[in-house]
C-alpha atoms as a PDB file:
ATOM      1  CA  MET A   1     -14.099  61.017  11.917  1.00  0.00           C
ATOM      2  CA  SER A   2     -15.150  64.352  10.467  1.00  0.00           C
ATOM      3  CA  PRO A   3     -17.353  64.656   7.381  1.00  0.00           C
ATOM      4  CA  LEU A   4     -14.371  65.916   5.390  1.00  0.00           C
ATOM      5  CA  GLU A   5     -12.284  62.864   6.315  1.00  0.00           C
ATOM      6  CA  THR A   6     -15.214  60.613   5.422  1.00  0.00           C
ATOM      7  CA  PHE A   7     -15.458  62.315   2.028  1.00  0.00           C
ATOM      8  CA  PHE A   8     -11.774  61.706   1.309  1.00  0.00           C
ATOM      9  CA  VAL A   9     -12.013  58.060   2.356  1.00  0.00           C
ATOM     10  CA  LEU A  10     -14.999  57.595   0.033  1.00  0.00           C
ATOM     11  CA  LEU A  11     -13.116  59.401  -2.747  1.00  0.00           C
ATOM     12  CA  SER A  12     -10.207  56.988  -2.336  1.00  0.00           C
ATOM     13  CA  ALA A  13     -12.542  53.999  -2.292  1.00  0.00           C
ATOM     14  CA  ALA A  14     -14.196  55.238  -5.483  1.00  0.00           C
ATOM     15  CA  GLY A  15     -10.753  55.552  -7.058  1.00  0.00           C
ATOM     16  CA  LEU A  16      -9.968  51.958  -6.183  1.00  0.00           C
ATOM     17  CA  LEU A  17     -13.258  50.777  -7.671  1.00  0.00           C
ATOM     18  CA  VAL A  18     -12.549  52.661 -10.900  1.00  0.00           C
ATOM     19  CA  VAL A  19      -9.057  51.112 -11.070  1.00  0.00           C
ATOM     20  CA  LEU A  20     -10.545  47.646 -10.561  1.00  0.00           C
ATOM     21  CA  GLY A  21     -13.112  48.350 -13.285  1.00  0.00           C
ATOM     22  CA  GLY A  22     -10.299  49.355 -15.621  1.00  0.00           C
ATOM     23  CA  MET A  23      -8.435  46.147 -14.859  1.00  0.00           C
ATOM     24  CA  VAL A  24     -11.542  44.087 -15.608  1.00  0.00           C
ATOM     25  CA  VAL A  25     -12.127  45.886 -18.907  1.00  0.00           C
ATOM     26  CA  ARG A  26      -8.475  45.553 -19.892  1.00  0.00           C
ATOM     27  CA  HIS A  27      -8.190  41.818 -19.204  1.00  0.00           C
ATOM     28  CA  ARG A  28     -11.594  40.757 -20.508  1.00  0.00           C
ATOM     29  CA  ARG A  29     -11.319  38.036 -23.138  1.00  0.00           C
ATOM     30  CA  ILE A  30     -13.703  38.369 -26.056  1.00  0.00           C
ATOM     31  CA  HIS A  31     -13.852  35.665 -28.684  1.00  0.00           C
ATOM     32  CA  ALA A  32     -13.223  36.944 -32.225  1.00  0.00           C
ATOM     33  CA  GLU A  33     -12.996  40.564 -31.161  1.00  0.00           C
ATOM     34  CA  HIS A  34     -12.587  43.058 -33.993  1.00  0.00           C
ATOM     35  CA  TRP A  35      -9.299  44.989 -33.816  1.00  0.00           C
ATOM     36  CA  LEU A  36     -11.120  48.342 -33.636  1.00  0.00           C
ATOM     37  CA  TRP A  37     -13.226  47.174 -30.704  1.00  0.00           C
ATOM     38  CA  LYS A  38     -10.103  45.906 -28.975  1.00  0.00           C
ATOM     39  CA  ARG A  39      -8.398  49.244 -29.489  1.00  0.00           C
ATOM     40  CA  ARG A  40     -11.395  51.114 -28.045  1.00  0.00           C
ATOM     41  CA  ARG A  41     -11.612  48.694 -25.101  1.00  0.00           C
ATOM     42  CA  LEU A  42      -7.932  49.222 -24.295  1.00  0.00           C
ATOM     43  CA  GLN A  43      -8.341  53.012 -24.546  1.00  0.00           C
ATOM     44  CA  THR A  44     -11.282  52.826 -22.143  1.00  0.00           C
ATOM     45  CA  ALA A  45      -9.279  50.661 -19.760  1.00  0.00           C
ATOM     46  CA  ARG A  46      -6.342  53.086 -19.886  1.00  0.00           C
ATOM     47  CA  LEU A  47      -8.682  56.013 -19.118  1.00  0.00           C
ATOM     48  CA  LEU A  48     -10.297  54.160 -16.201  1.00  0.00           C
ATOM     49  CA  LEU A  49      -6.927  53.164 -14.759  1.00  0.00           C
ATOM     50  CA  SER A  50      -5.581  56.710 -15.005  1.00  0.00           C
ATOM     51  CA  CYS A  51      -8.686  58.372 -13.558  1.00  0.00           C
ATOM     52  CA  GLY A  52      -8.933  55.835 -10.764  1.00  0.00           C
ATOM     53  CA  ALA A  53      -5.299  56.314  -9.829  1.00  0.00           C
ATOM     54  CA  VAL A  54      -5.762  60.091  -9.737  1.00  0.00           C
ATOM     55  CA  LEU A  55      -8.902  59.816  -7.589  1.00  0.00           C
ATOM     56  CA  PHE A  56      -7.191  57.456  -5.178  1.00  0.00           C
ATOM     57  CA  GLY A  57      -4.050  59.583  -4.998  1.00  0.00           C
ATOM     58  CA  VAL A  58      -5.931  62.837  -4.415  1.00  0.00           C
ATOM     59  CA  GLY A  59      -8.089  61.232  -1.743  1.00  0.00           C
ATOM     60  CA  MET A  60      -5.120  59.753   0.114  1.00  0.00           C
ATOM     61  CA  VAL A  61      -3.004  62.919  -0.046  1.00  0.00           C
ATOM     62  CA  ALA A  62      -5.943  65.048   1.096  1.00  0.00           C
ATOM     63  CA  LEU A  63      -6.650  62.612   3.926  1.00  0.00           C
ATOM     64  CA  LEU A  64      -3.022  62.751   5.054  1.00  0.00           C
ATOM     65  CA  VAL A  65      -3.131  66.561   4.989  1.00  0.00           C
ATOM     66  CA  VAL A  66      -6.482  66.825   6.802  1.00  0.00           C
ATOM     67  CA  GLU A  67      -5.752  64.117   9.414  1.00  0.00           C
ATOM     68  CA  PRO A  68      -2.824  65.859  11.179  1.00  0.00           C
ATOM     69  CA  ALA A  69      -4.629  69.195  11.026  1.00  0.00           C
ATOM     70  CA  SER A  70      -7.701  67.772  12.749  1.00  0.00           C
ATOM     71  CA  ALA A  71      -5.582  66.223  15.537  1.00  0.00           C
ATOM     72  CA  HIS A  72      -4.630  69.653  16.857  1.00  0.00           C
END
């Protein structure tokens, strides 16, 4: 596996970790949470989910593009 392929695999793994972090933040139960804090927590979760999905998608697409090129 070339260093570039390794980078894209790590980029995809980082994207998955960010998505999982967003899911944890989104579904965390806080007793007597103020509505403003809840709104901010949900905005943070939405940002983490979006960024993680983009990181994962870019890493996978780049890996699929680089993989066939390195086979030749």
